[in-house]
Protein backbone atom coordinates (compact mmCIF):
# COMPACT_ATOMS: atom_id res chain seq x y z
CA MET A 1 116.84 73.99 111.00
CA LEU A 2 114.14 74.44 108.41
CA ILE A 3 114.38 78.17 108.65
CA MET A 4 118.18 78.08 108.12
CA GLY A 5 117.89 75.93 105.09
CA THR A 6 115.09 77.98 103.63
CA GLY A 7 117.19 81.19 104.07
CA CYS A 8 119.89 79.60 101.95
CA PHE A 9 117.43 78.72 99.25
CA VAL A 10 115.97 82.19 99.24
CA THR A 11 119.41 83.78 99.05
CA MET A 12 120.32 81.51 96.18
CA ALA A 13 117.07 82.23 94.39
CA LYS A 14 117.82 86.01 94.72
CA GLU A 15 121.37 85.68 93.44
CA LEU A 16 120.97 83.08 90.74
CA GLY A 17 117.36 82.98 89.88
CA HIS A 18 116.21 86.59 89.68
CA GLY A 19 114.38 86.11 92.90
CA ARG A 20 112.30 83.08 91.60
CA LEU A 21 111.98 79.88 93.61
CA LEU A 22 110.10 76.80 92.56
CA ALA A 23 109.21 74.42 95.39
CA VAL A 24 108.10 70.97 94.40
CA GLY A 25 107.14 67.85 96.34
CA GLY A 26 106.48 64.29 95.60
CA GLY A 27 105.25 61.09 97.02
CA GLY A 28 103.78 60.32 100.30
CA TYR A 29 101.10 58.05 101.62
CA ASN A 30 99.72 60.04 104.63
CA PRO A 31 97.91 63.18 103.44
CA HIS A 32 97.98 64.63 106.92
CA ASN A 33 101.80 64.51 107.05
CA ILE A 34 102.01 65.91 103.56
CA GLY A 35 99.79 68.83 104.67
CA LYS A 36 101.86 69.48 107.78
CA GLY A 37 105.08 69.29 105.74
CA TRP A 38 103.95 71.87 103.12
CA CYS A 39 102.59 74.15 105.92
CA ALA A 40 106.03 74.07 107.52
CA VAL A 41 107.87 74.74 104.32
CA THR A 42 105.50 77.62 103.32
CA SER A 43 105.71 79.10 106.71
CA ALA A 44 109.54 78.97 106.68
CA LEU A 45 109.58 80.67 103.28
CA ILE A 46 107.23 83.46 104.46
CA ARG A 47 109.19 83.98 107.62
CA THR A 48 112.57 84.16 105.79
CA LEU A 49 111.23 86.57 103.13
CA MET A 50 109.64 88.77 105.88
CA ALA A 51 112.87 88.83 107.92
CA GLN A 52 114.88 89.92 104.90
CA GLU A 53 112.72 92.88 104.10
């Protein structure tokens, strides 16, 4: 699910934002979960970009 959503964001960034994408996050009380979440998002972005090349 994360990969599919990320693919949509990457496509939109290419079409509407000249290939630029800004990822932001906020809040959270558990540093471990925040780290895991950002690793998952970053991994999904990298895999999506690699698959499109």
